[in-house]
């Protein structure tokens, strides 16, 4: 990725996101739009909480068995990324 593209993306992504929020808000209304944003934030929070705990327990079991928890660490990283993406609006 060319370095000149990074500032453009840093500006284009939020502008696109705000534009889409406005379009969705006009289409379905403000309250349903806010409800959808809050629902995805709650889903992300619950995902991080429950799946994160089970992943930490799986990592601990692998360590106790004397194995390197490579798959569990990758799974945990993906869960964190997914939860954070759900937590952020857009």
Protein backbone atom coordinates (compact mmCIF):
# COMPACT_ATOMS: atom_id res chain seq x y z
CA UNK A 1 0.00 0.00 0.00
CA UNK A 2 1.52 3.34 -0.97
CA UNK A 3 2.13 5.65 1.96
CA UNK A 4 0.33 8.49 0.18
CA UNK A 5 -2.87 6.45 0.36
CA UNK A 6 -2.91 6.26 4.18
CA UNK A 7 -3.94 9.90 4.87
CA UNK A 8 -6.66 9.59 2.25
CA UNK A 9 -8.03 6.45 3.92
CA UNK A 10 -7.85 8.04 7.37
CA UNK A 11 -10.11 10.77 6.08
CA UNK A 12 -12.30 8.76 3.70
CA UNK A 13 -13.34 6.01 6.11
CA UNK A 14 -14.90 8.28 8.78
CA UNK A 15 -16.53 10.51 6.15
CA UNK A 16 -18.05 7.45 4.48
CA UNK A 17 -19.18 6.09 7.82
CA UNK A 18 -20.87 9.35 8.83
CA UNK A 19 -22.54 9.57 5.42
CA UNK A 20 -23.89 6.04 5.79
CA UNK A 21 -25.16 6.79 9.31
CA UNK A 22 -27.05 9.79 7.96
CA UNK A 23 -28.50 7.77 5.08
CA UNK A 24 -29.60 4.94 7.38
CA UNK A 25 -31.01 7.45 9.87
CA UNK A 26 -33.07 9.10 7.14
CA UNK A 27 -34.27 5.73 5.88
CA UNK A 28 -35.30 4.00 9.11
CA UNK A 29 -35.31 6.89 11.59
CA UNK A 30 -32.99 8.18 14.27
CA UNK A 31 -34.11 5.97 17.16
CA UNK A 32 -33.85 2.66 15.27
CA UNK A 33 -30.41 3.72 14.00
CA UNK A 34 -29.24 4.48 17.53
CA UNK A 35 -30.77 1.19 18.72
CA UNK A 36 -28.82 -0.75 16.09
CA UNK A 37 -25.56 0.98 17.08
CA UNK A 38 -26.20 0.23 20.76
CA UNK A 39 -27.16 -3.38 20.02
CA UNK A 40 -23.91 -4.02 18.15
CA UNK A 41 -21.94 -2.39 20.97
CA UNK A 42 -23.66 -4.65 23.51
CA UNK A 43 -23.02 -7.69 21.30
CA UNK A 44 -19.33 -6.78 21.09
CA UNK A 45 -19.11 -6.33 24.83
CA UNK A 46 -20.76 -9.69 25.49
CA UNK A 47 -18.54 -11.39 22.92
CA UNK A 48 -15.41 -10.02 24.56
CA UNK A 49 -16.62 -10.95 28.01
CA UNK A 50 -17.78 -14.53 27.53
CA UNK A 51 -15.59 -15.74 24.68
CA UNK A 52 -12.58 -13.97 26.15
CA UNK A 53 -12.96 -15.82 29.44
CA UNK A 54 -13.32 -19.20 27.74
CA UNK A 55 -10.29 -18.48 25.55
CA UNK A 56 -8.21 -17.54 28.59
CA UNK A 57 -9.22 -20.81 30.25
CA UNK A 58 -8.20 -22.76 27.12
CA UNK A 59 -4.83 -20.98 27.09
CA UNK A 60 -4.31 -21.83 30.75
CA UNK A 61 -5.15 -25.51 30.09
CA UNK A 62 -2.61 -25.63 27.27
CA UNK A 63 0.06 -24.10 29.51
CA UNK A 64 -0.77 -26.56 32.29
CA UNK A 65 -0.42 -29.43 29.82
CA UNK A 66 3.02 -28.14 28.84
CA UNK A 67 2.04 -27.11 25.32
CA UNK A 68 2.34 -23.78 23.55
CA UNK A 69 -1.18 -22.36 23.08
CA UNK A 70 -0.68 -21.11 19.52
CA UNK A 71 -4.18 -21.81 18.22
CA UNK A 72 -5.78 -20.49 21.38
CA UNK A 73 -3.77 -17.26 21.17
CA UNK A 74 -4.78 -16.76 17.54
CA UNK A 75 -8.40 -17.48 18.43
CA UNK A 76 -8.22 -15.01 21.30
CA UNK A 77 -6.76 -12.31 19.07
CA UNK A 78 -9.53 -12.79 16.53
CA UNK A 79 -12.18 -12.61 19.26
CA UNK A 80 -10.70 -9.36 20.58
CA UNK A 81 -10.61 -7.85 17.09
CA UNK A 82 -14.20 -8.93 16.40
CA UNK A 83 -15.41 -7.58 19.74
CA UNK A 84 -13.67 -4.25 19.23
CA UNK A 85 -15.11 -3.92 15.72
CA UNK A 86 -18.58 -4.53 17.13
CA UNK A 87 -18.00 -2.04 19.94
CA UNK A 88 -17.05 0.79 17.62
CA UNK A 89 -19.93 2.46 15.81
CA UNK A 90 -20.12 1.85 12.10
